[in-house]
Amino acid sequence: MPAPPRTPTKFLEILEQIWWRLDVALDLEMIRASALLGALEAIEAGTTAIFDHHESPNAIEGSLDVIAEACAEVGVRVVCAYGVTDRHGAEGTARGLAENERFIRGGGSGLVGIHAAFTCSPATIERSAGLAIDLGVGVHVHVAEGIDDADAASRLSELSTDDWLLAHCVHLDESAGMRGTVIHNPRSNMNNAVGYANPARFSNPVGLGSDGIGASMLDEFQIAYFRSRDADLSATPDTSWSWLATGWDLVPEARSDLVTWSYDGVDDPWRLAFTPGVHAVDVEIDGETVLKDAVATRVDPAEIRCKAKEQATRLFALL
């Protein structure tokens, strides 16, 4: 991937010079290759369910179907959302809302996505929250990830409900009245230098996410523990383990999935926290073996990686 035009010095510049430039360059072929690779990496890491928060302003219609179909091809569970934003004008907002509605009304497993409060007008936030209520689902939204979105709660809290996913919450005041599950993304937060969310301070349920940096939730658990320990010497792996376990509350059907690990102490938080390199050997999702001896059974991993490289090359040439 080529370097950005200049080195970002703050979070908003990272968004403007890296992520938002990638978003607008995506087409459906790139999205499919990316989703296949992400799903493959998930089952290889023993992750059986994904919450995907997607944006592709120039390839909105049908994008959630492409992601869901790619995940189904590999065999992993997925809950999709299109991140509605006003960054691309009223037409872009309407198309994003329509994609969420079309996908969910068509039987797709999804939430209504909002990019972040600071890129949406109050009217767009209200429309998104209202659509979620109409569809009987929650909202997936980035909340106070960077200082530019520190006032997110003032625009979201009155609309939020218990089935919302609140990603990041680094700069969210725990007394702000936001309802929903806080999703802690320690690797992403450190990568973007936005600060430490200190999720133990919230009374909300807390889960773990990766914000797209890999699919290994065991890696995320380990980093979440060490980051919490860095902030508080009394922190233990048990707390980070409880955040990991929240995933089963969000996708209850995943409780029936079976994973055989390379390490027999994987269910002991204290042992797991200090054991690198733990990986899945066999994975069974909904009664079907989708990973056997660490190799996907439904798809050809080499082909997926080859096509992902081809599409990445196409993508990077547009930047």
C-alpha atoms as a PDB file:
ATOM      1  CA  MET A   1       0.000   0.000   0.000  1.00  0.00           C
ATOM      2  CA  PRO A   2       1.423   3.425  -0.884  1.00  0.00           C
ATOM      3  CA  ALA A   3       2.159   5.905   1.869  1.00  0.00           C
ATOM      4  CA  PRO A   4      -0.389   8.688   2.454  1.00  0.00           C
ATOM      5  CA  PRO A   5       0.263  12.105   0.865  1.00  0.00           C
ATOM      6  CA  ARG A   6       1.784  13.283   4.141  1.00  0.00           C
ATOM      7  CA  THR A   7       2.354  11.740   7.554  1.00  0.00           C
ATOM      8  CA  PRO A   8      -0.789  12.035   9.707  1.00  0.00           C
ATOM      9  CA  THR A   9      -0.251  13.749  13.046  1.00  0.00           C
ATOM     10  CA  LYS A  10      -3.710  13.256  14.563  1.00  0.00           C
ATOM     11  CA  PHE A  11      -6.659  10.884  14.323  1.00  0.00           C
ATOM     12  CA  LEU A  12      -8.769  12.925  11.897  1.00  0.00           C
ATOM     13  CA  GLU A  13      -5.802  13.116   9.522  1.00  0.00           C
ATOM     14  CA  ILE A  14      -5.446   9.312   9.694  1.00  0.00           C
ATOM     15  CA  LEU A  15      -9.077   9.014   8.633  1.00  0.00           C
ATOM     16  CA  GLU A  16      -8.777  11.584   5.859  1.00  0.00           C
ATOM     17  CA  GLN A  17      -5.452  10.450   4.428  1.00  0.00           C
ATOM     18  CA  ILE A  18      -5.729   6.669   4.827  1.00  0.00           C
ATOM     19  CA  TRP A  19      -9.082   5.062   5.638  1.00  0.00           C
ATOM     20  CA  TRP A  20     -11.431   7.400   3.797  1.00  0.00           C
ATOM     21  CA  ARG A  21      -9.255   7.280   0.679  1.00  0.00           C
ATOM     22  CA  LEU A  22      -9.468   3.483   0.783  1.00  0.00           C
ATOM     23  CA  ASP A  23     -13.249   3.530   1.280  1.00  0.00           C
ATOM     24  CA  VAL A  24     -13.999   5.581  -1.825  1.00  0.00           C
ATOM     25  CA  ALA A  25     -11.759   3.382  -4.020  1.00  0.00           C
ATOM     26  CA  LEU A  26     -13.549   0.118  -3.190  1.00  0.00           C
ATOM     27  CA  ASP A  27     -15.695  -1.753  -5.703  1.00  0.00           C
ATOM     28  CA  LEU A  28     -17.701  -4.944  -5.235  1.00  0.00           C
ATOM     29  CA  GLU A  29     -14.927  -7.187  -6.551  1.00  0.00           C
ATOM     30  CA  MET A  30     -12.488  -5.782  -4.009  1.00  0.00           C
ATOM     31  CA  ILE A  31     -15.079  -6.092  -1.250  1.00  0.00           C
ATOM     32  CA  ARG A  32     -15.671  -9.751  -2.049  1.00  0.00           C
ATOM     33  CA  ALA A  33     -11.953 -10.566  -2.004  1.00  0.00           C
ATOM     34  CA  SER A  34     -11.526  -8.715   1.272  1.00  0.00           C
ATOM     35  CA  ALA A  35     -14.503 -10.444   2.891  1.00  0.00           C
ATOM     36  CA  LEU A  36     -13.323 -13.892   1.790  1.00  0.00           C
ATOM     37  CA  LEU A  37      -9.883 -13.250   3.262  1.00  0.00           C
ATOM     38  CA  GLY A  38     -11.313 -11.834   6.483  1.00  0.00           C
ATOM     39  CA  ALA A  39     -13.639 -14.812   6.898  1.00  0.00           C
ATOM     40  CA  LEU A  40     -10.811 -17.262   6.197  1.00  0.00           C
ATOM     41  CA  GLU A  41      -8.544 -15.583   8.735  1.00  0.00           C
ATOM     42  CA  ALA A  42     -11.404 -15.692  11.256  1.00  0.00           C
ATOM     43  CA  ILE A  43     -11.900 -19.453  11.169  1.00  0.00           C
ATOM     44  CA  GLU A  44      -8.133 -19.990  11.116  1.00  0.00           C
ATOM     45  CA  ALA A  45      -8.051 -17.992  14.361  1.00  0.00           C
ATOM     46  CA  GLY A  46     -10.970 -19.904  15.885  1.00  0.00           C
ATOM     47  CA  THR A  47     -13.367 -16.970  15.522  1.00  0.00           C
ATOM     48  CA  THR A  48     -16.770 -18.233  14.420  1.00  0.00           C
ATOM     49  CA  ALA A  49     -18.796 -14.990  14.266  1.00  0.00           C
ATOM     50  CA  ILE A  50     -17.990 -11.543  12.863  1.00  0.00           C
ATOM     51  CA  PHE A  51     -19.665  -8.160  13.279  1.00  0.00           C
ATOM     52  CA  ASP A  52     -18.759  -6.197  10.157  1.00  0.00           C
ATOM     53  CA  HIS A  53     -19.089  -2.399   9.929  1.00  0.00           C
ATOM     54  CA  HIS A  54     -18.644  -1.589   6.257  1.00  0.00           C
ATOM     55  CA  GLU A  55     -18.314   1.501   4.053  1.00  0.00           C
ATOM     56  CA  SER A  56     -17.748   1.779   0.295  1.00  0.00           C
ATOM     57  CA  PRO A  57     -19.287   5.089  -0.870  1.00  0.00           C
ATOM     58  CA  ASN A  58     -18.925   4.292  -4.575  1.00  0.00           C
ATOM     59  CA  ALA A  59     -20.163   0.701  -4.265  1.00  0.00           C
ATOM     60  CA  ILE A  60     -22.974   0.755  -1.716  1.00  0.00           C
ATOM     61  CA  GLU A  61     -25.834  -1.159  -3.303  1.00  0.00           C
ATOM     62  CA  GLY A  62     -25.449  -4.890  -2.752  1.00  0.00           C
ATOM     63  CA  SER A  63     -22.244  -4.535  -0.731  1.00  0.00           C
ATOM     64  CA  LEU A  64     -23.700  -6.201   2.372  1.00  0.00           C
ATOM     65  CA  ASP A  65     -24.881  -9.155   0.285  1.00  0.00           C
ATOM     66  CA  VAL A  66     -21.366  -9.539  -1.110  1.00  0.00           C
ATOM     67  CA  ILE A  67     -19.903  -9.637   2.405  1.00  0.00           C
ATOM     68  CA  ALA A  68     -22.539 -12.012   3.767  1.00  0.00           C
ATOM     69  CA  GLU A  69     -22.219 -14.370   0.805  1.00  0.00           C
ATOM     70  CA  ALA A  70     -18.420 -14.437   1.092  1.00  0.00           C
ATOM     71  CA  CYS A  71     -18.627 -15.285   4.791  1.00  0.00           C
ATOM     72  CA  ALA A  72     -21.212 -17.987   4.095  1.00  0.00           C
ATOM     73  CA  GLU A  73     -18.926 -19.464   1.442  1.00  0.00           C
ATOM     74  CA  VAL A  74     -16.147 -19.861   4.018  1.00  0.00           C
ATOM     75  CA  GLY A  75     -18.618 -20.945   6.698  1.00  0.00           C
ATOM     76  CA  VAL A  76     -18.303 -18.193   9.308  1.00  0.00           C
ATOM     77  CA  ARG A  77     -21.263 -16.370  10.895  1.00  0.00           C
ATOM     78  CA  VAL A  78     -21.564 -12.645  10.142  1.00  0.00           C
ATOM     79  CA  VAL A  79     -23.722  -9.706  11.241  1.00  0.00           C
ATOM     80  CA  CYS A  80     -23.438  -6.883   8.695  1.00  0.00           C
ATOM     81  CA  ALA A  81     -23.960  -3.125   8.883  1.00  0.00           C
ATOM     82  CA  TYR A  82     -23.402  -0.317   6.404  1.00  0.00           C
ATOM     83  CA  GLY A  83     -21.913   2.760   8.084  1.00  0.00           C
ATOM     84  CA  VAL A  84     -24.229   5.658   7.240  1.00  0.00           C
ATOM     85  CA  THR A  85     -22.470   9.030   6.998  1.00  0.00           C
ATOM     86  CA  ASP A  86     -23.094  12.503   5.611  1.00  0.00           C
ATOM     87  CA  ARG A  87     -19.536  12.764   4.260  1.00  0.00           C
ATOM     88  CA  HIS A  88     -20.757  12.134   0.702  1.00  0.00           C
ATOM     89  CA  GLY A  89     -23.845  14.319   0.662  1.00  0.00           C
ATOM     90  CA  ALA A  90     -27.553  13.648   1.034  1.00  0.00           C
ATOM     91  CA  GLU A  91     -27.564  11.056  -1.740  1.00  0.00           C
ATOM     92  CA  GLY A  92     -24.801   9.061  -0.054  1.00  0.00           C
ATOM     93  CA  THR A  93     -26.706   9.183   3.229  1.00  0.00           C
ATOM     94  CA  ALA A  94     -29.900   7.930   1.603  1.00  0.00           C
ATOM     95  CA  ARG A  95     -28.085   5.128  -0.212  1.00  0.00           C
ATOM     96  CA  GLY A  96     -26.423   3.973   2.998  1.00  0.00           C
ATOM     97  CA  LEU A  97     -29.721   3.871   4.858  1.00  0.00           C
ATOM     98  CA  ALA A  98     -31.334   2.041   1.945  1.00  0.00           C
ATOM     99  CA  GLU A  99     -28.602  -0.603   1.889  1.00  0.00           C
ATOM    100  CA  ASN A 100     -29.105  -1.379   5.571  1.00  0.00           C
ATOM    101  CA  GLU A 101     -32.861  -1.594   5.091  1.00  0.00           C
ATOM    102  CA  ARG A 102     -32.709  -3.660   1.903  1.00  0.00           C
ATOM    103  CA  PHE A 103     -30.292  -6.177   3.396  1.00  0.00           C
ATOM    104  CA  ILE A 104     -32.112  -6.661   6.704  1.00  0.00           C
ATOM    105  CA  ARG A 105     -35.625  -6.737   5.210  1.00  0.00           C
ATOM    106  CA  GLY A 106     -34.318  -9.322   2.756  1.00  0.00           C
ATOM    107  CA  GLY A 107     -33.457 -11.668   5.614  1.00  0.00           C
ATOM    108  CA  GLY A 108     -29.834 -10.707   6.187  1.00  0.00           C
ATOM    109  CA  SER A 109     -28.420 -10.787   9.695  1.00  0.00           C
ATOM    110  CA  GLY A 110     -27.591  -7.171  10.359  1.00  0.00           C
ATOM    111  CA  LEU A 111     -27.612  -3.990  12.379  1.00  0.00           C
ATOM    112  CA  VAL A 112     -28.074  -0.439  11.131  1.00  0.00           C
ATOM    113  CA  GLY A 113     -24.635   1.142  10.836  1.00  0.00           C
ATOM    114  CA  ILE A 114     -23.692   4.721  11.686  1.00  0.00           C
ATOM    115  CA  HIS A 115     -20.136   5.731  10.891  1.00  0.00           C
ATOM    116  CA  ALA A 116     -19.762   8.112  13.838  1.00  0.00           C
ATOM    117  CA  ALA A 117     -21.773  10.982  15.299  1.00  0.00           C
ATOM    118  CA  PHE A 118     -19.290  13.639  14.163  1.00  0.00           C
ATOM    119  CA  THR A 119     -19.796  12.730  10.479  1.00  0.00           C
ATOM    120  CA  CYS A 120     -23.595  12.711  10.696  1.00  0.00           C
ATOM    121  CA  SER A 121     -26.180  15.410  11.224  1.00  0.00           C
ATOM    122  CA  PRO A 122     -28.701  15.015  14.054  1.00  0.00           C
ATOM    123  CA  ALA A 123     -31.329  14.254  11.421  1.00  0.00           C
ATOM    124  CA  THR A 124     -29.252  11.416   9.948  1.00  0.00           C
ATOM    125  CA  ILE A 125     -28.627   9.941  13.381  1.00  0.00           C
ATOM    126  CA  GLU A 126     -32.354  10.078  14.157  1.00  0.00           C
ATOM    127  CA  ARG A 127     -33.244   8.476  10.816  1.00  0.00           C
ATOM    128  CA  SER A 128     -30.742   5.683  11.402  1.00  0.00           C
ATOM    129  CA  ALA A 129     -31.946   5.003  14.940  1.00  0.00           C
ATOM    130  CA  GLY A 130     -35.553   5.090  13.773  1.00  0.00           C
ATOM    131  CA  LEU A 131     -34.822   2.649  10.963  1.00  0.00           C
ATOM    132  CA  ALA A 132     -33.232   0.266  13.462  1.00  0.00           C
ATOM    133  CA  ILE A 133     -36.367   0.363  15.587  1.00  0.00           C
ATOM    134  CA  ASP A 134     -38.561  -0.241  12.547  1.00  0.00           C
ATOM    135  CA  LEU A 135     -36.423  -3.243  11.576  1.00  0.00           C
ATOM    136  CA  GLY A 136     -36.244  -4.622  15.117  1.00  0.00           C
ATOM    137  CA  VAL A 137     -32.437  -4.484  15.287  1.00  0.00           C
ATOM    138  CA  GLY A 138     -29.762  -2.450  17.038  1.00  0.00           C
ATOM    139  CA  VAL A 139     -27.270   0.131  15.783  1.00  0.00           C
ATOM    140  CA  HIS A 140     -23.539  -0.443  15.224  1.00  0.00           C
ATOM    141  CA  VAL A 141     -21.691   2.873  15.670  1.00  0.00           C
ATOM    142  CA  HIS A 142     -18.204   4.188  16.424  1.00  0.00           C
ATOM    143  CA  VAL A 143     -18.508   6.296  19.585  1.00  0.00           C
ATOM    144  CA  ALA A 144     -15.975   8.866  20.807  1.00  0.00           C
ATOM    145  CA  GLU A 145     -13.088   6.998  19.212  1.00  0.00           C
ATOM    146  CA  GLY A 146     -11.042  10.177  18.781  1.00  0.00           C
ATOM    147  CA  ILE A 147     -11.192  13.559  20.439  1.00  0.00           C
ATOM    148  CA  ASP A 148     -13.036  14.909  17.366  1.00  0.00           C
ATOM    149  CA  ASP A 149     -16.038  12.794  18.416  1.00  0.00           C
ATOM    150  CA  ALA A 150     -15.804  13.447  22.157  1.00  0.00           C
ATOM    151  CA  ASP A 151     -19.321  14.928  22.275  1.00  0.00           C
ATOM    152  CA  ALA A 152     -20.901  11.834  20.670  1.00  0.00           C
ATOM    153  CA  ALA A 153     -22.992  11.013  23.723  1.00  0.00           C
ATOM    154  CA  SER A 154     -24.797  14.350  23.567  1.00  0.00           C
ATOM    155  CA  ARG A 155     -26.120  13.321  20.145  1.00  0.00           C
ATOM    156  CA  LEU A 156     -26.577   9.588  20.654  1.00  0.00           C
ATOM    157  CA  SER A 157     -27.470   8.790  24.258  1.00  0.00           C
ATOM    158  CA  GLU A 158     -31.185   9.653  24.126  1.00  0.00           C
ATOM    159  CA  LEU A 159     -31.615   7.440  21.063  1.00  0.00           C
ATOM    160  CA  SER A 160     -29.459   4.523  22.202  1.00  0.00           C
ATOM    161  CA  THR A 161     -30.972   1.212  23.304  1.00  0.00           C
ATOM    162  CA  ASP A 162     -29.562  -1.916  24.915  1.00  0.00           C
ATOM    163  CA  ASP A 163     -29.057  -3.667  21.567  1.00  0.00           C
ATOM    164  CA  TRP A 164     -26.622  -1.045  20.247  1.00  0.00           C
ATOM    165  CA  LEU A 165     -22.931  -1.832  19.698  1.00  0.00           C
ATOM    166  CA  LEU A 166     -20.783   1.089  20.865  1.00  0.00           C
ATOM    167  CA  ALA A 167     -17.346   0.684  19.306  1.00  0.00           C
ATOM    168  CA  HIS A 168     -14.261   2.254  20.950  1.00  0.00           C
ATOM    169  CA  CYS A 169     -15.742   4.709  23.521  1.00  0.00           C
ATOM    170  CA  VAL A 170     -12.241   6.001  24.285  1.00  0.00           C
ATOM    171  CA  HIS A 171     -13.422   9.525  25.094  1.00  0.00           C
ATOM    172  CA  LEU A 172     -16.915   8.599  26.297  1.00  0.00           C
ATOM    173  CA  ASP A 173     -17.865   9.729  29.788  1.00  0.00           C
ATOM    174  CA  GLU A 174     -19.137   6.654  31.623  1.00  0.00           C
ATOM    175  CA  SER A 175     -21.912   8.749  33.185  1.00  0.00           C
ATOM    176  CA  ALA A 176     -23.202   9.952  29.797  1.00  0.00           C
ATOM    177  CA  GLY A 177     -26.145   7.537  29.755  1.00  0.00           C
ATOM    178  CA  MET A 178     -25.215   5.633  26.592  1.00  0.00           C
ATOM    179  CA  ARG A 179     -27.034   2.294  26.383  1.00  0.00           C
ATOM    180  CA  GLY A 180     -25.627  -0.727  24.599  1.00  0.00           C
ATOM    181  CA  THR A 181     -22.549  -2.949  24.654  1.00  0.00           C
ATOM    182  CA  VAL A 182     -19.204  -1.167  24.689  1.00  0.00           C
ATOM    183  CA  ILE A 183     -16.815  -2.827  22.228  1.00  0.00           C
ATOM    184  CA  HIS A 184     -13.194  -2.359  23.275  1.00  0.00           C
ATOM    185  CA  ASN A 185     -10.667  -2.363  20.393  1.00  0.00           C
ATOM    186  CA  PRO A 186      -7.245  -2.149  22.079  1.00  0.00           C
ATOM    187  CA  ARG A 187      -5.044  -2.815  19.039  1.00  0.00           C
ATOM    188  CA  SER A 188      -6.900  -0.339  16.842  1.00  0.00           C
ATOM    189  CA  ASN A 189      -6.892   2.315  19.546  1.00  0.00           C
ATOM    190  CA  MET A 190      -3.145   1.982  20.041  1.00  0.00           C
ATOM    191  CA  ASN A 191      -2.521   1.948  16.284  1.00  0.00           C
ATOM    192  CA  ASN A 192      -4.428   5.214  15.865  1.00  0.00           C
ATOM    193  CA  ALA A 193      -3.008   6.681  19.100  1.00  0.00           C
ATOM    194  CA  VAL A 194      -6.450   7.772  20.286  1.00  0.00           C
ATOM    195  CA  GLY A 195      -5.882   6.837  23.936  1.00  0.00           C
ATOM    196  CA  TYR A 196      -6.979   4.106  26.340  1.00  0.00           C
ATOM    197  CA  ALA A 197     -10.704   3.457  26.729  1.00  0.00           C
ATOM    198  CA  ASN A 198     -10.289   1.834  30.164  1.00  0.00           C
ATOM    199  CA  PRO A 199     -13.480  -0.183  29.621  1.00  0.00           C
ATOM    200  CA  ALA A 200     -13.547  -1.491  33.197  1.00  0.00           C
ATOM    201  CA  ARG A 201     -15.018   1.874  34.176  1.00  0.00           C
ATOM    202  CA  PHE A 202     -18.292   1.251  32.317  1.00  0.00           C
ATOM    203  CA  SER A 203     -21.404  -0.269  33.848  1.00  0.00           C
ATOM    204  CA  ASN A 204     -22.431  -1.335  30.311  1.00  0.00           C
ATOM    205  CA  PRO A 205     -21.604  -4.831  29.099  1.00  0.00           C
ATOM    206  CA  VAL A 206     -18.131  -4.784  27.517  1.00  0.00           C
ATOM    207  CA  GLY A 207     -17.004  -6.917  24.586  1.00  0.00           C
ATOM    208  CA  LEU A 208     -13.843  -7.129  22.507  1.00  0.00           C
ATOM    209  CA  GLY A 209     -13.383  -6.201  18.858  1.00  0.00           C
ATOM    210  CA  SER A 210     -10.502  -5.764  16.442  1.00  0.00           C
ATOM    211  CA  ASP A 211     -11.807  -2.928  14.215  1.00  0.00           C
ATOM    212  CA  GLY A 212     -10.512  -4.916  11.276  1.00  0.00           C
ATOM    213  CA  ILE A 213      -6.974  -5.555  12.572  1.00  0.00           C
ATOM    214  CA  GLY A 214      -7.060  -9.322  12.159  1.00  0.00           C
ATOM    215  CA  ALA A 215      -9.649 -11.761  13.412  1.00  0.00           C
ATOM    216  CA  SER A 216      -7.853 -13.443  16.322  1.00  0.00           C
ATOM    217  CA  MET A 217      -9.877 -12.658  19.401  1.00  0.00           C
ATOM    218  CA  LEU A 218      -7.322 -14.529  21.522  1.00  0.00           C
ATOM    219  CA  ASP A 219      -4.721 -11.989  20.402  1.00  0.00           C
ATOM    220  CA  GLU A 220      -7.158  -9.201  21.222  1.00  0.00           C
ATOM    221  CA  PHE A 221      -7.753 -10.723  24.670  1.00  0.00           C
ATOM    222  CA  GLN A 222      -4.023 -10.827  25.403  1.00  0.00           C
ATOM    223  CA  ILE A 223      -3.444  -7.247  24.292  1.00  0.00           C
ATOM    224  CA  ALA A 224      -6.530  -6.080  26.190  1.00  0.00           C
ATOM    225  CA  TYR A 225      -5.104  -7.641  29.339  1.00  0.00           C
ATOM    226  CA  PHE A 226      -1.630  -6.155  29.002  1.00  0.00           C
ATOM    227  CA  ARG A 227      -3.057  -2.728  28.173  1.00  0.00           C
ATOM    228  CA  SER A 228      -5.299  -2.887  31.241  1.00  0.00           C
ATOM    229  CA  ARG A 229      -2.327  -3.991  33.343  1.00  0.00           C
ATOM    230  CA  ASP A 230      -0.304  -1.058  32.035  1.00  0.00           C
ATOM    231  CA  ALA A 231      -3.003   1.284  33.339  1.00  0.00           C
ATOM    232  CA  ASP A 232      -3.752  -0.575  36.576  1.00  0.00           C
ATOM    233  CA  LEU A 233      -1.328  -2.956  38.307  1.00  0.00           C
ATOM    234  CA  SER A 234      -4.245  -4.718  40.019  1.00  0.00           C
ATOM    235  CA  ALA A 235      -5.873  -5.701  36.695  1.00  0.00           C
ATOM    236  CA  THR A 236      -6.119  -9.443  36.029  1.00  0.00           C
ATOM    237  CA  PRO A 237      -6.744 -11.579  32.927  1.00  0.00           C
ATOM    238  CA  ASP A 238     -10.130 -12.549  34.365  1.00  0.00           C
ATOM    239  CA  THR A 239     -11.588  -9.153  33.484  1.00  0.00           C
ATOM    240  CA  SER A 240     -10.325  -9.253  29.914  1.00  0.00           C
ATOM    241  CA  TRP A 241     -11.652 -12.818  29.641  1.00  0.00           C
ATOM    242  CA  SER A 242     -15.111 -11.588  30.668  1.00  0.00           C
ATOM    243  CA  TRP A 243     -14.939  -9.065  27.809  1.00  0.00           C
ATOM    244  CA  LEU A 244     -14.051 -11.869  25.417  1.00  0.00           C
ATOM    245  CA  ALA A 245     -16.958 -13.975  26.681  1.00  0.00           C
ATOM    246  CA  THR A 246     -19.440 -11.165  25.975  1.00  0.00           C
ATOM    247  CA  GLY A 247     -19.198 -12.184  22.327  1.00  0.00           C
ATOM    248  CA  TRP A 248     -21.315 -15.235  23.089  1.00  0.00           C
ATOM    249  CA  ASP A 249     -24.057 -12.974  24.460  1.00  0.00           C
ATOM    250  CA  LEU A 250     -24.031 -11.001  21.210  1.00  0.00           C
ATOM    251  CA  VAL A 251     -24.205 -14.132  19.012  1.00  0.00           C
ATOM    252  CA  PRO A 252     -25.781 -16.792  21.248  1.00  0.00           C
ATOM    253  CA  GLU A 253     -25.878 -19.424  18.490  1.00  0.00           C
ATOM    254  CA  ALA A 254     -22.072 -19.380  18.462  1.00  0.00           C
ATOM    255  CA  ARG A 255     -22.149 -21.111  21.855  1.00  0.00           C
ATOM    256  CA  SER A 256     -22.797 -24.360  19.985  1.00  0.00           C
ATOM    257  CA  ASP A 257     -19.703 -23.963  17.799  1.00  0.00           C
ATOM    258  CA  LEU A 258     -16.748 -26.206  18.659  1.00  0.00           C
ATOM    259  CA  VAL A 259     -13.070 -25.239  18.412  1.00  0.00           C
ATOM    260  CA  THR A 260     -10.122 -27.534  19.071  1.00  0.00           C
ATOM    261  CA  TRP A 261      -7.078 -25.466  20.015  1.00  0.00           C
ATOM    262  CA  SER A 262      -3.342 -26.046  19.769  1.00  0.00           C
ATOM    263  CA  TYR A 263      -3.033 -25.468  23.524  1.00  0.00           C
ATOM    264  CA  ASP A 264      -4.952 -27.293  26.239  1.00  0.00           C
ATOM    265  CA  GLY A 265      -4.944 -24.319  28.616  1.00  0.00           C
ATOM    266  CA  VAL A 266      -6.942 -22.087  26.321  1.00  0.00           C
ATOM    267  CA  ASP A 267      -9.892 -21.865  28.737  1.00  0.00           C
ATOM    268  CA  ASP A 268      -7.701 -20.647  31.627  1.00  0.00           C
ATOM    269  CA  PRO A 269      -7.359 -16.841  31.379  1.00  0.00           C
ATOM    270  CA  TRP A 270      -4.147 -16.756  33.384  1.00  0.00           C
ATOM    271  CA  ARG A 271      -2.437 -19.391  31.255  1.00  0.00           C
ATOM    272  CA  LEU A 272      -3.764 -18.015  27.985  1.00  0.00           C
ATOM    273  CA  ALA A 273      -2.646 -14.456  28.741  1.00  0.00           C
ATOM    274  CA  PHE A 274       1.001 -15.554  28.825  1.00  0.00           C
ATOM    275  CA  THR A 275       0.976 -18.146  26.019  1.00  0.00           C
ATOM    276  CA  PRO A 276       1.664 -16.762  22.542  1.00  0.00           C
ATOM    277  CA  GLY A 277       0.906 -18.524  19.282  1.00  0.00           C
ATOM    278  CA  VAL A 278      -2.277 -20.355  20.302  1.00  0.00           C
ATOM    279  CA  HIS A 279      -4.274 -21.227  17.187  1.00  0.00           C
ATOM    280  CA  ALA A 280      -7.286 -23.234  16.089  1.00  0.00           C
ATOM    281  CA  VAL A 281      -6.774 -26.778  14.822  1.00  0.00           C
ATOM    282  CA  ASP A 282     -10.368 -27.792  14.072  1.00  0.00           C
ATOM    283  CA  VAL A 283     -13.463 -25.565  13.890  1.00  0.00           C
ATOM    284  CA  GLU A 284     -17.066 -26.740  13.723  1.00  0.00           C
ATOM    285  CA  ILE A 285     -19.760 -24.129  13.004  1.00  0.00           C
ATOM    286  CA  ASP A 286     -23.431 -25.041  13.108  1.00  0.00           C
ATOM    287  CA  GLY A 287     -22.502 -28.730  13.069  1.00  0.00           C
ATOM    288  CA  GLU A 288     -20.189 -28.512  10.041  1.00  0.00           C
ATOM    289  CA  THR A 289     -16.397 -28.786  10.147  1.00  0.00           C
ATOM    290  CA  VAL A 290     -15.091 -25.687   8.359  1.00  0.00           C
ATOM    291  CA  LEU A 291     -11.469 -26.036   9.523  1.00  0.00           C
ATOM    292  CA  LYS A 292      -9.676 -29.390   9.772  1.00  0.00           C
ATOM    293  CA  ASP A 293      -6.045 -29.714  10.848  1.00  0.00           C
ATOM    294  CA  ALA A 294      -5.796 -25.905  10.566  1.00  0.00           C
ATOM    295  CA  VAL A 295      -6.918 -25.914   6.893  1.00  0.00           C
ATOM    296  CA  ALA A 296     -10.257 -24.578   5.637  1.00  0.00           C
ATOM    297  CA  THR A 297     -12.517 -27.300   4.233  1.00  0.00           C
ATOM    298  CA  ARG A 298     -14.928 -25.276   2.084  1.00  0.00           C
ATOM    299  CA  VAL A 299     -12.534 -23.043   0.217  1.00  0.00           C
ATOM    300  CA  ASP A 300      -8.983 -23.016  -1.128  1.00  0.00           C
ATOM    301  CA  PRO A 301      -6.947 -20.741   1.187  1.00  0.00           C
ATOM    302  CA  ALA A 302      -4.184 -20.254  -1.394  1.00  0.00           C
ATOM    303  CA  GLU A 303      -6.685 -19.133  -4.031  1.00  0.00           C
ATOM    304  CA  ILE A 304      -8.348 -16.701  -1.620  1.00  0.00           C
ATOM    305  CA  ARG A 305      -5.011 -15.157  -0.690  1.00  0.00           C
ATOM    306  CA  CYS A 306      -3.927 -14.936  -4.321  1.00  0.00           C
ATOM    307  CA  LYS A 307      -7.123 -13.154  -5.360  1.00  0.00           C
ATOM    308  CA  ALA A 308      -6.939 -10.856  -2.327  1.00  0.00           C
ATOM    309  CA  LYS A 309      -3.440  -9.842  -3.379  1.00  0.00           C
ATOM    310  CA  GLU A 310      -4.666  -9.124  -6.909  1.00  0.00           C
ATOM    311  CA  GLN A 311      -7.520  -6.954  -5.656  1.00  0.00           C
ATOM    312  CA  ALA A 312      -5.271  -5.165  -3.170  1.00  0.00           C
ATOM    313  CA  THR A 313      -2.949  -4.289  -6.047  1.00  0.00           C
ATOM    314  CA  ARG A 314      -5.936  -2.858  -7.960  1.00  0.00           C
ATOM    315  CA  LEU A 315      -7.033  -0.909  -4.902  1.00  0.00           C
ATOM    316  CA  PHE A 316      -3.632   0.542  -4.116  1.00  0.00           C
ATOM    317  CA  ALA A 317      -3.180   1.693  -7.724  1.00  0.00           C
ATOM    318  CA  LEU A 318      -6.193   3.985  -7.242  1.00  0.00           C
ATOM    319  CA  LEU A 319      -4.817   5.768  -4.195  1.00  0.00           C
END
